[in-house]
Amino acid sequence: MIGSLLTILATALSLLVVDIVFPGVDLANFPAAIIAALAIGLVNGFIKPVISTLSLPINFLSLGAFSLVVNGLCFWLASLFVPGFRVAGLLSFILAPVLLSLVNTFINNYFVEKYPGQMSVEGYSEQAKLEEQ
């Protein structure tokens, strides 16, 4: 439970960084960032697998470059559901999800080191179990 809340918080903080870097990404306030983090998680969990599967031939032909478009589409789609969150411009559409992913990785790694029992990162839990024994 706390791990999920920390993940949402990390994504919201990452969205605020993306809002600062890209002028085409606009967040009204921190509550909008939290709701946007939830929307991005839901879109990535439910809609992105369908879009990725349908675009597999194009992704194969483009040697994986089309996945940037799929990520941008999901990022933009999440912005449609959240008032106070807007994505405009091609640069923001393509590069903002990349920056979001990078910043989110750093913040999540910080939370994993700070709260090792609460966060579950692949491979980390086995390492923590080995260190406890």
N, C-alpha and C. Protein backbone atom coordinates (compact mmCIF):
# COMPACT_ATOMS: atom_id res chain seq x y z
N MET A 1 0.82 -1.19 0.00
CA MET A 1 0.00 0.00 0.00
C MET A 1 0.87 1.26 0.00
N ILE A 2 1.83 1.31 0.92
CA ILE A 2 2.70 2.48 0.97
C ILE A 2 3.58 2.53 -0.27
N GLY A 3 3.98 1.36 -0.77
CA GLY A 3 4.77 1.33 -2.00
C GLY A 3 4.02 1.92 -3.18
N SER A 4 2.74 1.64 -3.27
CA SER A 4 1.92 2.21 -4.36
C SER A 4 1.81 3.72 -4.22
N LEU A 5 1.62 4.19 -2.99
CA LEU A 5 1.54 5.63 -2.76
C LEU A 5 2.87 6.31 -3.10
N LEU A 6 3.98 5.68 -2.75
CA LEU A 6 5.29 6.25 -3.08
C LEU A 6 5.52 6.27 -4.58
N THR A 7 5.04 5.25 -5.28
CA THR A 7 5.16 5.22 -6.74
C THR A 7 4.35 6.35 -7.37
N ILE A 8 3.14 6.57 -6.88
CA ILE A 8 2.31 7.67 -7.39
C ILE A 8 2.97 9.00 -7.08
N LEU A 9 3.52 9.15 -5.88
CA LEU A 9 4.21 10.38 -5.51
C LEU A 9 5.42 10.62 -6.40
N ALA A 10 6.18 9.55 -6.69
CA ALA A 10 7.36 9.68 -7.55
C ALA A 10 6.94 10.11 -8.96
N THR A 11 5.87 9.54 -9.47
CA THR A 11 5.40 9.92 -10.80
C THR A 11 4.90 11.36 -10.80
N ALA A 12 4.22 11.78 -9.75
CA ALA A 12 3.74 13.16 -9.67
C ALA A 12 4.91 14.14 -9.62
N LEU A 13 5.94 13.82 -8.83
CA LEU A 13 7.12 14.68 -8.78
C LEU A 13 7.83 14.72 -10.14
N SER A 14 7.88 13.58 -10.80
CA SER A 14 8.48 13.52 -12.14
C SER A 14 7.70 14.37 -13.13
N LEU A 15 6.39 14.35 -13.01
CA LEU A 15 5.56 15.18 -13.89
C LEU A 15 5.82 16.67 -13.65
N LEU A 16 6.07 17.04 -12.42
CA LEU A 16 6.38 18.44 -12.14
C LEU A 16 7.71 18.84 -12.77
N VAL A 17 8.67 17.93 -12.79
CA VAL A 17 9.95 18.20 -13.47
C VAL A 17 9.72 18.35 -14.97
N VAL A 18 8.92 17.46 -15.53
CA VAL A 18 8.61 17.54 -16.97
C VAL A 18 7.89 18.85 -17.28
N ASP A 19 7.02 19.29 -16.38
CA ASP A 19 6.32 20.56 -16.56
C ASP A 19 7.30 21.73 -16.61
N ILE A 20 8.35 21.67 -15.82
CA ILE A 20 9.36 22.73 -15.81
C ILE A 20 10.18 22.72 -17.10
N VAL A 21 10.56 21.53 -17.57
CA VAL A 21 11.48 21.41 -18.70
C VAL A 21 10.79 21.68 -20.03
N PHE A 22 9.61 21.14 -20.23
CA PHE A 22 8.92 21.25 -21.52
C PHE A 22 7.81 22.30 -21.44
N PRO A 23 7.88 23.33 -22.28
CA PRO A 23 6.83 24.35 -22.24
C PRO A 23 5.48 23.84 -22.73
N GLY A 24 5.44 22.75 -23.46
CA GLY A 24 4.18 22.22 -23.97
C GLY A 24 3.43 21.36 -22.97
N VAL A 25 4.05 21.05 -21.85
CA VAL A 25 3.39 20.28 -20.79
C VAL A 25 3.02 21.25 -19.68
N ASP A 26 1.74 21.33 -19.37
CA ASP A 26 1.26 22.26 -18.36
C ASP A 26 0.50 21.51 -17.27
N LEU A 27 0.93 21.71 -16.04
CA LEU A 27 0.23 21.18 -14.87
C LEU A 27 -0.22 22.37 -14.04
N ALA A 28 -1.47 22.37 -13.64
CA ALA A 28 -2.03 23.50 -12.90
C ALA A 28 -1.47 23.56 -11.48
N ASN A 29 -1.42 22.42 -10.79
CA ASN A 29 -0.97 22.39 -9.40
C ASN A 29 -0.58 20.97 -9.01
N PHE A 30 -0.17 20.79 -7.75
CA PHE A 30 0.28 19.48 -7.31
C PHE A 30 -0.85 18.44 -7.28
N PRO A 31 -2.06 18.78 -6.83
CA PRO A 31 -3.14 17.77 -6.92
C PRO A 31 -3.40 17.31 -8.35
N ALA A 32 -3.28 18.21 -9.31
CA ALA A 32 -3.43 17.80 -10.71
C ALA A 32 -2.32 16.84 -11.11
N ALA A 33 -1.12 17.05 -10.56
CA ALA A 33 -0.01 16.14 -10.85
C ALA A 33 -0.27 14.76 -10.27
N ILE A 34 -0.86 14.69 -9.09
CA ILE A 34 -1.17 13.39 -8.47
C ILE A 34 -2.24 12.67 -9.29
N ILE A 35 -3.27 13.39 -9.69
CA ILE A 35 -4.34 12.78 -10.50
C ILE A 35 -3.78 12.36 -11.86
N ALA A 36 -2.89 13.19 -12.43
CA ALA A 36 -2.26 12.85 -13.71
C ALA A 36 -1.39 11.60 -13.56
N ALA A 37 -0.71 11.46 -12.43
CA ALA A 37 0.11 10.26 -12.19
C ALA A 37 -0.77 9.01 -12.16
N LEU A 38 -1.92 9.12 -11.51
CA LEU A 38 -2.86 7.99 -11.51
C LEU A 38 -3.38 7.70 -12.91
N ALA A 39 -3.70 8.74 -13.66
CA ALA A 39 -4.21 8.55 -15.02
C ALA A 39 -3.15 7.92 -15.92
N ILE A 40 -1.91 8.35 -15.79
CA ILE A 40 -0.83 7.77 -16.59
C ILE A 40 -0.65 6.30 -16.24
N GLY A 41 -0.72 5.99 -14.96
CA GLY A 41 -0.61 4.59 -14.54
C GLY A 41 -1.73 3.73 -15.10
N LEU A 42 -2.95 4.25 -15.07
CA LEU A 42 -4.09 3.49 -15.61
C LEU A 42 -4.00 3.33 -17.12
N VAL A 43 -3.64 4.41 -17.81
CA VAL A 43 -3.51 4.32 -19.28
C VAL A 43 -2.39 3.35 -19.65
N ASN A 44 -1.25 3.43 -18.95
CA ASN A 44 -0.14 2.52 -19.24
C ASN A 44 -0.48 1.07 -18.88
N GLY A 45 -1.35 0.89 -17.92
CA GLY A 45 -1.71 -0.47 -17.51
C GLY A 45 -2.77 -1.12 -18.38
N PHE A 46 -3.71 -0.33 -18.87
CA PHE A 46 -4.84 -0.92 -19.58
C PHE A 46 -4.86 -0.63 -21.09
N ILE A 47 -4.52 0.57 -21.49
CA ILE A 47 -4.65 0.95 -22.89
C ILE A 47 -3.35 0.74 -23.67
N LYS A 48 -2.21 1.01 -23.05
CA LYS A 48 -0.94 0.90 -23.76
C LYS A 48 -0.66 -0.52 -24.28
N PRO A 49 -0.96 -1.59 -23.52
CA PRO A 49 -0.72 -2.92 -24.09
C PRO A 49 -1.53 -3.19 -25.36
N VAL A 50 -2.74 -2.67 -25.42
CA VAL A 50 -3.57 -2.86 -26.61
C VAL A 50 -2.98 -2.10 -27.80
N ILE A 51 -2.60 -0.83 -27.56
CA ILE A 51 -2.02 -0.02 -28.64
C ILE A 51 -0.69 -0.62 -29.09
N SER A 52 0.12 -1.09 -28.13
CA SER A 52 1.42 -1.69 -28.48
C SER A 52 1.24 -2.95 -29.32
N THR A 53 0.25 -3.76 -28.98
CA THR A 53 0.00 -4.97 -29.74
C THR A 53 -0.49 -4.65 -31.16
N LEU A 54 -1.39 -3.69 -31.26
CA LEU A 54 -1.91 -3.32 -32.58
C LEU A 54 -0.85 -2.67 -33.47
N SER A 55 0.09 -1.97 -32.86
CA SER A 55 1.13 -1.29 -33.64
C SER A 55 2.41 -2.11 -33.76
N LEU A 56 2.36 -3.36 -33.41
CA LEU A 56 3.56 -4.21 -33.45
C LEU A 56 4.19 -4.29 -34.85
N PRO A 57 3.42 -4.43 -35.92
CA PRO A 57 4.07 -4.46 -37.25
C PRO A 57 4.80 -3.15 -37.59
N ILE A 58 4.18 -2.02 -37.25
CA ILE A 58 4.83 -0.73 -37.51
C ILE A 58 6.07 -0.59 -36.64
N ASN A 59 5.96 -1.02 -35.40
CA ASN A 59 7.09 -0.94 -34.48
C ASN A 59 8.23 -1.83 -34.98
N PHE A 60 7.89 -2.97 -35.51
CA PHE A 60 8.91 -3.88 -36.04
C PHE A 60 9.62 -3.26 -37.24
N LEU A 61 8.85 -2.67 -38.14
CA LEU A 61 9.42 -2.05 -39.34
C LEU A 61 10.27 -0.82 -39.01
N SER A 62 9.92 -0.11 -37.95
CA SER A 62 10.67 1.09 -37.57
C SER A 62 11.79 0.77 -36.57
N LEU A 63 12.05 -0.51 -36.35
CA LEU A 63 13.08 -0.96 -35.42
C LEU A 63 12.87 -0.42 -34.01
N GLY A 64 11.63 -0.34 -33.60
CA GLY A 64 11.28 0.08 -32.24
C GLY A 64 11.07 1.56 -32.05
N ALA A 65 11.35 2.36 -33.06
CA ALA A 65 11.21 3.81 -32.91
C ALA A 65 9.75 4.24 -32.75
N PHE A 66 8.84 3.44 -33.26
CA PHE A 66 7.42 3.79 -33.15
C PHE A 66 6.94 3.70 -31.70
N SER A 67 7.68 3.03 -30.84
CA SER A 67 7.29 2.97 -29.44
C SER A 67 7.33 4.34 -28.78
N LEU A 68 8.16 5.26 -29.31
CA LEU A 68 8.14 6.64 -28.82
C LEU A 68 6.80 7.30 -29.11
N VAL A 69 6.24 7.00 -30.27
CA VAL A 69 4.93 7.53 -30.62
C VAL A 69 3.85 6.93 -29.74
N VAL A 70 3.95 5.63 -29.47
CA VAL A 70 2.98 4.97 -28.59
C VAL A 70 3.04 5.57 -27.19
N ASN A 71 4.26 5.80 -26.67
CA ASN A 71 4.40 6.42 -25.35
C ASN A 71 3.82 7.82 -25.34
N GLY A 72 4.09 8.59 -26.40
CA GLY A 72 3.54 9.94 -26.49
C GLY A 72 2.03 9.93 -26.57
N LEU A 73 1.49 8.98 -27.31
CA LEU A 73 0.04 8.87 -27.44
C LEU A 73 -0.60 8.56 -26.08
N CYS A 74 0.00 7.66 -25.33
CA CYS A 74 -0.54 7.32 -24.01
C CYS A 74 -0.41 8.51 -23.05
N PHE A 75 0.69 9.23 -23.13
CA PHE A 75 0.90 10.42 -22.30
C PHE A 75 -0.16 11.47 -22.61
N TRP A 76 -0.39 11.71 -23.90
CA TRP A 76 -1.40 12.67 -24.33
C TRP A 76 -2.81 12.21 -23.94
N LEU A 77 -3.07 10.91 -24.09
CA LEU A 77 -4.37 10.36 -23.74
C LEU A 77 -4.67 10.55 -22.26
N ALA A 78 -3.66 10.37 -21.42
CA ALA A 78 -3.86 10.59 -19.98
C ALA A 78 -4.18 12.05 -19.70
N SER A 79 -3.61 12.95 -20.49
CA SER A 79 -3.87 14.38 -20.27
C SER A 79 -5.33 14.75 -20.61
N LEU A 80 -5.96 13.97 -21.45
CA LEU A 80 -7.37 14.25 -21.80
C LEU A 80 -8.31 13.99 -20.62
N PHE A 81 -7.92 13.09 -19.72
CA PHE A 81 -8.78 12.70 -18.61
C PHE A 81 -8.61 13.59 -17.38
N VAL A 82 -7.55 14.39 -17.35
CA VAL A 82 -7.22 15.14 -16.13
C VAL A 82 -7.36 16.64 -16.38
N PRO A 83 -8.28 17.30 -15.68
CA PRO A 83 -8.33 18.76 -15.79
C PRO A 83 -7.10 19.36 -15.11
N GLY A 84 -6.51 20.33 -15.75
CA GLY A 84 -5.30 20.94 -15.20
C GLY A 84 -4.02 20.31 -15.70
N PHE A 85 -4.13 19.35 -16.63
CA PHE A 85 -2.96 18.70 -17.23
C PHE A 85 -3.15 18.76 -18.74
N ARG A 86 -2.17 19.38 -19.42
CA ARG A 86 -2.29 19.58 -20.86
C ARG A 86 -0.96 19.28 -21.53
N VAL A 87 -1.02 18.61 -22.67
CA VAL A 87 0.15 18.32 -23.48
C VAL A 87 -0.09 18.91 -24.87
N ALA A 88 0.82 19.79 -25.30
CA ALA A 88 0.68 20.43 -26.61
C ALA A 88 2.05 20.48 -27.28
N GLY A 89 2.07 20.21 -28.55
CA GLY A 89 3.31 20.30 -29.31
C GLY A 89 3.95 18.94 -29.54
N LEU A 90 4.57 18.81 -30.70
CA LEU A 90 5.18 17.54 -31.09
C LEU A 90 6.37 17.18 -30.21
N LEU A 91 7.18 18.16 -29.86
CA LEU A 91 8.34 17.91 -29.01
C LEU A 91 7.91 17.38 -27.64
N SER A 92 6.89 17.97 -27.07
CA SER A 92 6.37 17.50 -25.78
C SER A 92 5.74 16.13 -25.92
N PHE A 93 5.07 15.90 -27.03
CA PHE A 93 4.40 14.63 -27.28
C PHE A 93 5.40 13.47 -27.33
N ILE A 94 6.56 13.70 -27.94
CA ILE A 94 7.54 12.62 -28.13
C ILE A 94 8.54 12.54 -26.97
N LEU A 95 9.09 13.68 -26.55
CA LEU A 95 10.20 13.66 -25.60
C LEU A 95 9.80 13.74 -24.13
N ALA A 96 8.64 14.30 -23.82
CA ALA A 96 8.22 14.41 -22.42
C ALA A 96 8.07 13.04 -21.75
N PRO A 97 7.49 12.01 -22.40
CA PRO A 97 7.43 10.70 -21.75
C PRO A 97 8.82 10.09 -21.50
N VAL A 98 9.79 10.41 -22.36
CA VAL A 98 11.15 9.91 -22.15
C VAL A 98 11.74 10.53 -20.91
N LEU A 99 11.61 11.85 -20.78
CA LEU A 99 12.12 12.53 -19.58
C LEU A 99 11.36 12.07 -18.34
N LEU A 100 10.06 11.89 -18.46
CA LEU A 100 9.26 11.39 -17.34
C LEU A 100 9.79 10.05 -16.86
N SER A 101 10.09 9.17 -17.78
CA SER A 101 10.62 7.85 -17.43
C SER A 101 11.97 7.95 -16.74
N LEU A 102 12.85 8.80 -17.24
CA LEU A 102 14.18 8.94 -16.64
C LEU A 102 14.11 9.51 -15.23
N VAL A 103 13.36 10.59 -15.07
CA VAL A 103 13.24 11.21 -13.75
C VAL A 103 12.52 10.28 -12.78
N ASN A 104 11.51 9.59 -13.26
CA ASN A 104 10.77 8.66 -12.43
C ASN A 104 11.66 7.51 -11.94
N THR A 105 12.56 7.06 -12.80
CA THR A 105 13.50 6.00 -12.41
C THR A 105 14.40 6.47 -11.27
N PHE A 106 14.93 7.68 -11.38
CA PHE A 106 15.80 8.20 -10.33
C PHE A 106 15.05 8.38 -9.01
N ILE A 107 13.85 8.92 -9.06
CA ILE A 107 13.08 9.14 -7.84
C ILE A 107 12.66 7.81 -7.22
N ASN A 108 12.23 6.85 -8.04
CA ASN A 108 11.87 5.54 -7.51
C ASN A 108 13.07 4.85 -6.87
N ASN A 109 14.25 4.97 -7.48
CA ASN A 109 15.45 4.38 -6.89
C ASN A 109 15.77 5.02 -5.55
N TYR A 110 15.53 6.31 -5.42
CA TYR A 110 15.73 6.98 -4.14
C TYR A 110 14.78 6.41 -3.09
N PHE A 111 13.50 6.25 -3.45
CA PHE A 111 12.53 5.70 -2.51
C PHE A 111 12.86 4.26 -2.13
N VAL A 112 13.39 3.50 -3.08
CA VAL A 112 13.76 2.10 -2.79
C VAL A 112 14.90 2.07 -1.76
N GLU A 113 15.87 2.96 -1.92
CA GLU A 113 16.97 3.00 -0.96
C GLU A 113 16.52 3.55 0.39
N LYS A 114 15.62 4.49 0.39
CA LYS A 114 15.17 5.13 1.63
C LYS A 114 14.20 4.23 2.40
N TYR A 115 13.31 3.55 1.69
CA TYR A 115 12.29 2.68 2.30
C TYR A 115 12.36 1.29 1.67
N PRO A 116 13.38 0.50 2.00
CA PRO A 116 13.59 -0.78 1.30
C PRO A 116 12.49 -1.80 1.53
N GLY A 117 11.81 -1.77 2.64
CA GLY A 117 10.77 -2.76 2.89
C GLY A 117 9.45 -2.41 2.24
N GLN A 118 9.27 -1.18 1.83
CA GLN A 118 7.98 -0.72 1.31
C GLN A 118 7.87 -0.82 -0.20
N MET A 119 8.97 -0.57 -0.88
CA MET A 119 8.95 -0.56 -2.35
C MET A 119 9.36 -1.93 -2.86
N SER A 120 8.76 -2.34 -3.96
CA SER A 120 9.14 -3.61 -4.57
C SER A 120 9.68 -3.33 -5.97
N VAL A 121 10.97 -3.53 -6.13
CA VAL A 121 11.62 -3.37 -7.41
C VAL A 121 12.19 -4.73 -7.77
N GLU A 122 12.03 -5.09 -9.02
CA GLU A 122 12.47 -6.40 -9.48
C GLU A 122 13.94 -6.62 -9.16
N GLY A 123 14.23 -7.70 -8.46
CA GLY A 123 15.61 -8.02 -8.12
C GLY A 123 16.03 -7.44 -6.78
N TYR A 124 15.43 -6.33 -6.38
CA TYR A 124 15.84 -5.70 -5.14
C TYR A 124 15.35 -6.50 -3.94
N SER A 125 14.13 -7.04 -4.00
CA SER A 125 13.59 -7.76 -2.86
C SER A 125 14.38 -9.02 -2.56
N GLU A 126 14.88 -9.72 -3.61
CA GLU A 126 15.69 -10.90 -3.37
C GLU A 126 17.02 -10.51 -2.73
N GLN A 127 17.59 -9.39 -3.16
CA GLN A 127 18.84 -8.93 -2.59
C GLN A 127 18.64 -8.57 -1.12
N ALA A 128 17.54 -7.92 -0.80
CA ALA A 128 17.26 -7.54 0.59
C ALA A 128 17.05 -8.79 1.44
N LYS A 129 16.39 -9.81 0.90
CA LYS A 129 16.19 -11.05 1.64
C LYS A 129 17.52 -11.74 1.92
N LEU A 130 18.41 -11.74 0.94
CA LEU A 130 19.72 -12.35 1.14
C LEU A 130 20.54 -11.61 2.20
N GLU A 131 20.43 -10.29 2.23
CA GLU A 131 21.17 -9.52 3.21
C GLU A 131 20.62 -9.71 4.61
N GLU A 132 19.32 -9.99 4.72
CA GLU A 132 18.72 -10.21 6.03
C GLU A 132 19.15 -11.55 6.64
N GLN A 133 19.47 -12.53 5.78
CA GLN A 133 19.84 -13.85 6.29
C GLN A 133 21.25 -13.90 6.67
